[in-house]
Amino acid sequence: MDGQSHERDERTAEGKLLDRYPHVRKKVSALPEFGTWLDTMPKVEVDNETYWVSGGDQLKDLDQAIVEWIRRFRPAMLPGGE
């Protein structure tokens, strides 16, 4: 297996989901309320990596934070959301 395939395998489920809906990733990233929410989230460091903490969950990348924000505030932005 080449390094590129291995790298893709390590992507989070949220990253893979947003790869199918790149317009959602772009739209949420540009929202001022998302930026404010992200800036106010507590951060922890584990094994020299920084994670955002939301509701007891550790979010390791921006895609996880975007999907968490959508689930909390705008579930209709993704298929199957209410």
PDB file of N, CA and C in Angstrom:
ATOM      1  N   MET A   1       0.848  -1.176   0.000  1.00  0.00           N
ATOM      2  CA  MET A   1       0.000   0.000   0.000  1.00  0.00           C
ATOM      3  C   MET A   1       0.889   1.233   0.000  1.00  0.00           C
ATOM      4  N   ASP A   2       0.596   2.191  -0.861  1.00  0.00           N
ATOM      5  CA  ASP A   2       1.416   3.393  -0.923  1.00  0.00           C
ATOM      6  C   ASP A   2       1.041   4.360   0.201  1.00  0.00           C
ATOM      7  N   GLY A   3       1.915   5.301   0.485  1.00  0.00           N
ATOM      8  CA  GLY A   3       1.699   6.257   1.561  1.00  0.00           C
ATOM      9  C   GLY A   3       0.437   7.075   1.394  1.00  0.00           C
ATOM     10  N   GLN A   4       0.089   7.380   0.154  1.00  0.00           N
ATOM     11  CA  GLN A   4      -1.098   8.176  -0.093  1.00  0.00           C
ATOM     12  C   GLN A   4      -2.353   7.406   0.308  1.00  0.00           C
ATOM     13  N   SER A   5      -2.434   6.124   0.000  1.00  0.00           N
ATOM     14  CA  SER A   5      -3.588   5.319   0.384  1.00  0.00           C
ATOM     15  C   SER A   5      -3.672   5.221   1.895  1.00  0.00           C
ATOM     16  N   HIS A   6      -2.535   5.018   2.543  1.00  0.00           N
ATOM     17  CA  HIS A   6      -2.506   4.924   3.999  1.00  0.00           C
ATOM     18  C   HIS A   6      -2.989   6.235   4.615  1.00  0.00           C
ATOM     19  N   GLU A   7      -2.564   7.353   4.034  1.00  0.00           N
ATOM     20  CA  GLU A   7      -2.981   8.657   4.536  1.00  0.00           C
ATOM     21  C   GLU A   7      -4.491   8.808   4.434  1.00  0.00           C
ATOM     22  N   ARG A   8      -5.072   8.384   3.330  1.00  0.00           N
ATOM     23  CA  ARG A   8      -6.519   8.462   3.162  1.00  0.00           C
ATOM     24  C   ARG A   8      -7.233   7.595   4.187  1.00  0.00           C
ATOM     25  N   ASP A   9      -6.671   6.432   4.514  1.00  0.00           N
ATOM     26  CA  ASP A   9      -7.281   5.535   5.481  1.00  0.00           C
ATOM     27  C   ASP A   9      -7.339   6.162   6.868  1.00  0.00           C
ATOM     28  N   GLU A  10      -6.428   7.079   7.167  1.00  0.00           N
ATOM     29  CA  GLU A  10      -6.378   7.707   8.475  1.00  0.00           C
ATOM     30  C   GLU A  10      -7.315   8.907   8.587  1.00  0.00           C
ATOM     31  N   ARG A  11      -7.980   9.265   7.520  1.00  0.00           N
ATOM     32  CA  ARG A  11      -8.918  10.391   7.572  1.00  0.00           C
ATOM     33  C   ARG A  11     -10.070  10.039   8.499  1.00  0.00           C
ATOM     34  N   THR A  12     -10.570  11.039   9.185  1.00  0.00           N
ATOM     35  CA  THR A  12     -11.703  10.816  10.071  1.00  0.00           C
ATOM     36  C   THR A  12     -12.970  10.580   9.255  1.00  0.00           C
ATOM     37  N   ALA A  13     -13.950   9.981   9.899  1.00  0.00           N
ATOM     38  CA  ALA A  13     -15.246   9.778   9.242  1.00  0.00           C
ATOM     39  C   ALA A  13     -15.846  11.120   8.839  1.00  0.00           C
ATOM     40  N   GLU A  14     -15.637  12.127   9.676  1.00  0.00           N
ATOM     41  CA  GLU A  14     -16.152  13.461   9.374  1.00  0.00           C
ATOM     42  C   GLU A  14     -15.464  14.052   8.147  1.00  0.00           C
ATOM     43  N   GLY A  15     -14.169  13.838   8.022  1.00  0.00           N
ATOM     44  CA  GLY A  15     -13.441  14.312   6.849  1.00  0.00           C
ATOM     45  C   GLY A  15     -13.938  13.650   5.579  1.00  0.00           C
ATOM     46  N   LYS A  16     -14.164  12.346   5.663  1.00  0.00           N
ATOM     47  CA  LYS A  16     -14.682  11.614   4.500  1.00  0.00           C
ATOM     48  C   LYS A  16     -16.084  12.098   4.140  1.00  0.00           C
ATOM     49  N   LEU A  17     -16.907  12.364   5.155  1.00  0.00           N
ATOM     50  CA  LEU A  17     -18.254  12.880   4.905  1.00  0.00           C
ATOM     51  C   LEU A  17     -18.185  14.234   4.202  1.00  0.00           C
ATOM     52  N   LEU A  18     -17.362  15.132   4.714  1.00  0.00           N
ATOM     53  CA  LEU A  18     -17.264  16.464   4.112  1.00  0.00           C
ATOM     54  C   LEU A  18     -16.585  16.443   2.751  1.00  0.00           C
ATOM     55  N   ASP A  19     -15.798  15.410   2.468  1.00  0.00           N
ATOM     56  CA  ASP A  19     -15.241  15.266   1.118  1.00  0.00           C
ATOM     57  C   ASP A  19     -16.364  15.087   0.100  1.00  0.00           C
ATOM     58  N   ARG A  20     -17.467  14.490   0.538  1.00  0.00           N
ATOM     59  CA  ARG A  20     -18.617  14.301  -0.357  1.00  0.00           C
ATOM     60  C   ARG A  20     -19.450  15.577  -0.481  1.00  0.00           C
ATOM     61  N   TYR A  21     -19.284  16.500   0.474  1.00  0.00           N
ATOM     62  CA  TYR A  21     -20.048  17.751   0.485  1.00  0.00           C
ATOM     63  C   TYR A  21     -19.102  18.930   0.733  1.00  0.00           C
ATOM     64  N   PRO A  22     -18.161  19.168  -0.198  1.00  0.00           N
ATOM     65  CA  PRO A  22     -17.156  20.217   0.034  1.00  0.00           C
ATOM     66  C   PRO A  22     -17.764  21.610   0.179  1.00  0.00           C
ATOM     67  N   HIS A  23     -18.917  21.831  -0.436  1.00  0.00           N
ATOM     68  CA  HIS A  23     -19.564  23.140  -0.304  1.00  0.00           C
ATOM     69  C   HIS A  23     -19.989  23.396   1.140  1.00  0.00           C
ATOM     70  N   VAL A  24     -20.342  22.336   1.867  1.00  0.00           N
ATOM     71  CA  VAL A  24     -20.732  22.487   3.268  1.00  0.00           C
ATOM     72  C   VAL A  24     -19.513  22.872   4.104  1.00  0.00           C
ATOM     73  N   ARG A  25     -18.397  22.195   3.872  1.00  0.00           N
ATOM     74  CA  ARG A  25     -17.149  22.514   4.593  1.00  0.00           C
ATOM     75  C   ARG A  25     -16.796  23.989   4.380  1.00  0.00           C
ATOM     76  N   LYS A  26     -16.849  24.425   3.122  1.00  0.00           N
ATOM     77  CA  LYS A  26     -16.476  25.802   2.782  1.00  0.00           C
ATOM     78  C   LYS A  26     -17.436  26.805   3.422  1.00  0.00           C
ATOM     79  N   LYS A  27     -18.734  26.509   3.353  1.00  0.00           N
ATOM     80  CA  LYS A  27     -19.740  27.429   3.891  1.00  0.00           C
ATOM     81  C   LYS A  27     -19.605  27.577   5.408  1.00  0.00           C
ATOM     82  N   VAL A  28     -19.494  26.452   6.119  1.00  0.00           N
ATOM     83  CA  VAL A  28     -19.398  26.512   7.580  1.00  0.00           C
ATOM     84  C   VAL A  28     -18.108  27.202   8.002  1.00  0.00           C
ATOM     85  N   SER A  29     -17.003  26.884   7.349  1.00  0.00           N
ATOM     86  CA  SER A  29     -15.711  27.497   7.693  1.00  0.00           C
ATOM     87  C   SER A  29     -15.761  29.016   7.594  1.00  0.00           C
ATOM     88  N   ALA A  30     -16.592  29.531   6.699  1.00  0.00           N
ATOM     89  CA  ALA A  30     -16.673  30.974   6.477  1.00  0.00           C
ATOM     90  C   ALA A  30     -17.654  31.679   7.414  1.00  0.00           C
ATOM     91  N   LEU A  31     -18.448  30.923   8.163  1.00  0.00           N
ATOM     92  CA  LEU A  31     -19.446  31.540   9.036  1.00  0.00           C
ATOM     93  C   LEU A  31     -18.794  32.145  10.285  1.00  0.00           C
ATOM     94  N   PRO A  32     -19.070  33.413  10.566  1.00  0.00           N
ATOM     95  CA  PRO A  32     -18.497  34.036  11.765  1.00  0.00           C
ATOM     96  C   PRO A  32     -18.883  33.300  13.045  1.00  0.00           C
ATOM     97  N   GLU A  33     -20.119  32.786  13.119  1.00  0.00           N
ATOM     98  CA  GLU A  33     -20.548  32.091  14.336  1.00  0.00           C
ATOM     99  C   GLU A  33     -19.788  30.779  14.541  1.00  0.00           C
ATOM    100  N   PHE A  34     -19.372  30.141  13.455  1.00  0.00           N
ATOM    101  CA  PHE A  34     -18.543  28.941  13.603  1.00  0.00           C
ATOM    102  C   PHE A  34     -17.178  29.326  14.164  1.00  0.00           C
ATOM    103  N   GLY A  35     -16.578  30.365  13.625  1.00  0.00           N
ATOM    104  CA  GLY A  35     -15.275  30.816  14.112  1.00  0.00           C
ATOM    105  C   GLY A  35     -15.321  31.208  15.580  1.00  0.00           C
ATOM    106  N   THR A  36     -16.376  31.893  15.976  1.00  0.00           N
ATOM    107  CA  THR A  36     -16.534  32.279  17.378  1.00  0.00           C
ATOM    108  C   THR A  36     -16.666  31.053  18.259  1.00  0.00           C
ATOM    109  N   TRP A  37     -17.493  30.094  17.841  1.00  0.00           N
ATOM    110  CA  TRP A  37     -17.684  28.855  18.597  1.00  0.00           C
ATOM    111  C   TRP A  37     -16.359  28.113  18.742  1.00  0.00           C
ATOM    112  N   LEU A  38     -15.624  28.004  17.651  1.00  0.00           N
ATOM    113  CA  LEU A  38     -14.349  27.288  17.671  1.00  0.00           C
ATOM    114  C   LEU A  38     -13.346  27.980  18.598  1.00  0.00           C
ATOM    115  N   ASP A  39     -13.319  29.296  18.561  1.00  0.00           N
ATOM    116  CA  ASP A  39     -12.388  30.054  19.405  1.00  0.00           C
ATOM    117  C   ASP A  39     -12.687  29.903  20.891  1.00  0.00           C
ATOM    118  N   THR A  40     -13.944  29.637  21.236  1.00  0.00           N
ATOM    119  CA  THR A  40     -14.320  29.530  22.649  1.00  0.00           C
ATOM    120  C   THR A  40     -14.230  28.105  23.184  1.00  0.00           C
ATOM    121  N   MET A  41     -13.981  27.140  22.314  1.00  0.00           N
ATOM    122  CA  MET A  41     -13.899  25.748  22.770  1.00  0.00           C
ATOM    123  C   MET A  41     -12.610  25.521  23.550  1.00  0.00           C
ATOM    124  N   PRO A  42     -12.707  24.775  24.659  1.00  0.00           N
ATOM    125  CA  PRO A  42     -11.479  24.442  25.386  1.00  0.00           C
ATOM    126  C   PRO A  42     -10.584  23.532  24.551  1.00  0.00           C
ATOM    127  N   LYS A  43      -9.297  23.603  24.830  1.00  0.00           N
ATOM    128  CA  LYS A  43      -8.326  22.764  24.119  1.00  0.00           C
ATOM    129  C   LYS A  43      -7.535  21.969  25.145  1.00  0.00           C
ATOM    130  N   VAL A  44      -7.157  20.756  24.753  1.00  0.00           N
ATOM    131  CA  VAL A  44      -6.289  19.929  25.593  1.00  0.00           C
ATOM    132  C   VAL A  44      -5.137  19.434  24.738  1.00  0.00           C
ATOM    133  N   GLU A  45      -4.032  19.141  25.395  1.00  0.00           N
ATOM    134  CA  GLU A  45      -2.891  18.571  24.685  1.00  0.00           C
ATOM    135  C   GLU A  45      -2.682  17.146  25.176  1.00  0.00           C
ATOM    136  N   VAL A  46      -2.626  16.211  24.223  1.00  0.00           N
ATOM    137  CA  VAL A  46      -2.395  14.803  24.514  1.00  0.00           C
ATOM    138  C   VAL A  46      -1.298  14.325  23.576  1.00  0.00           C
ATOM    139  N   ASP A  47      -0.230  13.788  24.136  1.00  0.00           N
ATOM    140  CA  ASP A  47       0.883  13.283  23.325  1.00  0.00           C
ATOM    141  C   ASP A  47       1.349  14.300  22.285  1.00  0.00           C
ATOM    142  N   ASN A  48       1.515  15.536  22.716  1.00  0.00           N
ATOM    143  CA  ASN A  48       1.992  16.625  21.861  1.00  0.00           C
ATOM    144  C   ASN A  48       1.052  16.977  20.714  1.00  0.00           C
ATOM    145  N   GLU A  49      -0.218  16.592  20.820  1.00  0.00           N
ATOM    146  CA  GLU A  49      -1.221  16.989  19.830  1.00  0.00           C
ATOM    147  C   GLU A  49      -2.302  17.780  20.543  1.00  0.00           C
ATOM    148  N   THR A  50      -2.789  18.825  19.898  1.00  0.00           N
ATOM    149  CA  THR A  50      -3.829  19.659  20.482  1.00  0.00           C
ATOM    150  C   THR A  50      -5.184  19.254  19.917  1.00  0.00           C
ATOM    151  N   TYR A  51      -6.156  19.134  20.820  1.00  0.00           N
ATOM    152  CA  TYR A  51      -7.518  18.764  20.455  1.00  0.00           C
ATOM    153  C   TYR A  51      -8.478  19.812  21.003  1.00  0.00           C
ATOM    154  N   TRP A  52      -9.551  20.062  20.264  1.00  0.00           N
ATOM    155  CA  TRP A  52     -10.652  20.847  20.808  1.00  0.00           C
ATOM    156  C   TRP A  52     -11.519  19.888  21.610  1.00  0.00           C
ATOM    157  N   VAL A  53     -12.172  20.391  22.640  1.00  0.00           N
ATOM    158  CA  VAL A  53     -13.054  19.554  23.455  1.00  0.00           C
ATOM    159  C   VAL A  53     -14.465  20.101  23.343  1.00  0.00           C
ATOM    160  N   SER A  54     -15.397  19.217  22.971  1.00  0.00           N
ATOM    161  CA  SER A  54     -16.795  19.604  22.840  1.00  0.00           C
ATOM    162  C   SER A  54     -17.662  18.519  23.449  1.00  0.00           C
ATOM    163  N   GLY A  55     -18.362  18.858  24.510  1.00  0.00           N
ATOM    164  CA  GLY A  55     -19.255  17.895  25.142  1.00  0.00           C
ATOM    165  C   GLY A  55     -18.553  16.637  25.605  1.00  0.00           C
ATOM    166  N   GLY A  56     -17.320  16.743  26.017  1.00  0.00           N
ATOM    167  CA  GLY A  56     -16.558  15.582  26.466  1.00  0.00           C
ATOM    168  C   GLY A  56     -15.846  14.842  25.352  1.00  0.00           C
ATOM    169  N   ASP A  57     -16.086  15.221  24.104  1.00  0.00           N
ATOM    170  CA  ASP A  57     -15.413  14.588  22.966  1.00  0.00           C
ATOM    171  C   ASP A  57     -14.177  15.394  22.584  1.00  0.00           C
ATOM    172  N   GLN A  58     -13.134  14.690  22.171  1.00  0.00           N
ATOM    173  CA  GLN A  58     -11.937  15.347  21.659  1.00  0.00           C
ATOM    174  C   GLN A  58     -12.015  15.374  20.138  1.00  0.00           C
ATOM    175  N   LEU A  59     -11.963  16.563  19.582  1.00  0.00           N
ATOM    176  CA  LEU A  59     -12.027  16.749  18.131  1.00  0.00           C
ATOM    177  C   LEU A  59     -10.621  17.028  17.639  1.00  0.00           C
ATOM    178  N   LYS A  60     -10.110  16.141  16.764  1.00  0.00           N
ATOM    179  CA  LYS A  60      -8.701  16.251  16.391  1.00  0.00           C
ATOM    180  C   LYS A  60      -8.434  17.077  15.146  1.00  0.00           C
ATOM    181  N   ASP A  61      -9.462  17.371  14.364  1.00  0.00           N
ATOM    182  CA  ASP A  61      -9.209  18.192  13.182  1.00  0.00           C
ATOM    183  C   ASP A  61     -10.398  19.097  12.895  1.00  0.00           C
ATOM    184  N   LEU A  62     -10.192  20.009  11.970  1.00  0.00           N
ATOM    185  CA  LEU A  62     -11.225  20.986  11.651  1.00  0.00           C
ATOM    186  C   LEU A  62     -12.485  20.316  11.119  1.00  0.00           C
ATOM    187  N   ASP A  63     -12.352  19.243  10.346  1.00  0.00           N
ATOM    188  CA  ASP A  63     -13.537  18.563   9.821  1.00  0.00           C
ATOM    189  C   ASP A  63     -14.408  18.022  10.951  1.00  0.00           C
ATOM    190  N   GLN A  64     -13.795  17.470  11.985  1.00  0.00           N
ATOM    191  CA  GLN A  64     -14.578  16.987  13.121  1.00  0.00           C
ATOM    192  C   GLN A  64     -15.290  18.151  13.807  1.00  0.00           C
ATOM    193  N   ALA A  65     -14.615  19.285  13.931  1.00  0.00           N
ATOM    194  CA  ALA A  65     -15.234  20.457  14.544  1.00  0.00           C
ATOM    195  C   ALA A  65     -16.393  20.968  13.686  1.00  0.00           C
ATOM    196  N   ILE A  66     -16.227  20.981  12.379  1.00  0.00           N
ATOM    197  CA  ILE A  66     -17.297  21.438  11.483  1.00  0.00           C
ATOM    198  C   ILE A  66     -18.524  20.549  11.626  1.00  0.00           C
ATOM    199  N   VAL A  67     -18.340  19.242  11.597  1.00  0.00           N
ATOM    200  CA  VAL A  67     -19.478  18.325  11.702  1.00  0.00           C
ATOM    201  C   VAL A  67     -20.131  18.442  13.079  1.00  0.00           C
ATOM    202  N   GLU A  68     -19.355  18.591  14.129  1.00  0.00           N
ATOM    203  CA  GLU A  68     -19.919  18.782  15.473  1.00  0.00           C
ATOM    204  C   GLU A  68     -20.761  20.048  15.513  1.00  0.00           C
ATOM    205  N   TRP A  69     -20.273  21.132  14.921  1.00  0.00           N
ATOM    206  CA  TRP A  69     -21.028  22.385  14.895  1.00  0.00           C
ATOM    207  C   TRP A  69     -22.337  22.204  14.122  1.00  0.00           C
ATOM    208  N   ILE A  70     -22.268  21.527  12.980  1.00  0.00           N
ATOM    209  CA  ILE A  70     -23.477  21.283  12.186  1.00  0.00           C
ATOM    210  C   ILE A  70     -24.473  20.470  12.997  1.00  0.00           C
ATOM    211  N   ARG A  71     -24.020  19.407  13.642  1.00  0.00           N
ATOM    212  CA  ARG A  71     -24.925  18.562  14.442  1.00  0.00           C
ATOM    213  C   ARG A  71     -25.608  19.367  15.543  1.00  0.00           C
ATOM    214  N   ARG A  72     -24.884  20.282  16.151  1.00  0.00           N
ATOM    215  CA  ARG A  72     -25.444  21.062  17.254  1.00  0.00           C
ATOM    216  C   ARG A  72     -26.350  22.198  16.789  1.00  0.00           C
ATOM    217  N   PHE A  73     -25.957  22.882  15.719  1.00  0.00           N
ATOM    218  CA  PHE A  73     -26.623  24.136  15.385  1.00  0.00           C
ATOM    219  C   PHE A  73     -27.362  24.163  14.046  1.00  0.00           C
ATOM    220  N   ARG A  74     -26.931  23.377  13.069  1.00  0.00           N
ATOM    221  CA  ARG A  74     -27.559  23.415  11.740  1.00  0.00           C
ATOM    222  C   ARG A  74     -27.636  22.020  11.120  1.00  0.00           C
ATOM    223  N   PRO A  75     -28.320  21.081  11.761  1.00  0.00           N
ATOM    224  CA  PRO A  75     -28.326  19.704  11.252  1.00  0.00           C
ATOM    225  C   PRO A  75     -28.870  19.569   9.830  1.00  0.00           C
ATOM    226  N   ALA A  76     -29.699  20.483   9.393  1.00  0.00           N
ATOM    227  CA  ALA A  76     -30.270  20.393   8.046  1.00  0.00           C
ATOM    228  C   ALA A  76     -29.235  20.632   6.946  1.00  0.00           C
ATOM    229  N   MET A  77     -28.033  21.068   7.312  1.00  0.00           N
ATOM    230  CA  MET A  77     -27.005  21.320   6.298  1.00  0.00           C
ATOM    231  C   MET A  77     -26.467  20.036   5.682  1.00  0.00           C
ATOM    232  N   LEU A  78     -26.641  18.910   6.368  1.00  0.00           N
ATOM    233  CA  LEU A  78     -26.169  17.628   5.838  1.00  0.00           C
ATOM    234  C   LEU A  78     -27.351  16.708   5.587  1.00  0.00           C
ATOM    235  N   PRO A  79     -27.270  15.870   4.574  1.00  0.00           N
ATOM    236  CA  PRO A  79     -28.352  14.927   4.296  1.00  0.00           C
ATOM    237  C   PRO A  79     -28.648  14.082   5.532  1.00  0.00           C
ATOM    238  N   GLY A  80     -29.931  13.885   5.793  1.00  0.00           N
ATOM    239  CA  GLY A  80     -30.342  13.104   6.950  1.00  0.00           C
ATOM    240  C   GLY A  80     -30.494  13.953   8.196  1.00  0.00           C
ATOM    241  N   GLY A  81     -30.093  15.226   8.118  1.00  0.00           N
ATOM    242  CA  GLY A  81     -30.252  16.120   9.264  1.00  0.00           C
ATOM    243  C   GLY A  81     -31.685  16.587   9.369  1.00  0.00           C
ATOM    244  N   GLU A  82     -32.060  17.016  10.532  1.00  0.00           N
ATOM    245  CA  GLU A  82     -33.446  17.478  10.733  1.00  0.00           C
ATOM    246  C   GLU A  82     -33.507  18.976  10.814  1.00  0.00           C
TER     247      GLU A  82
END
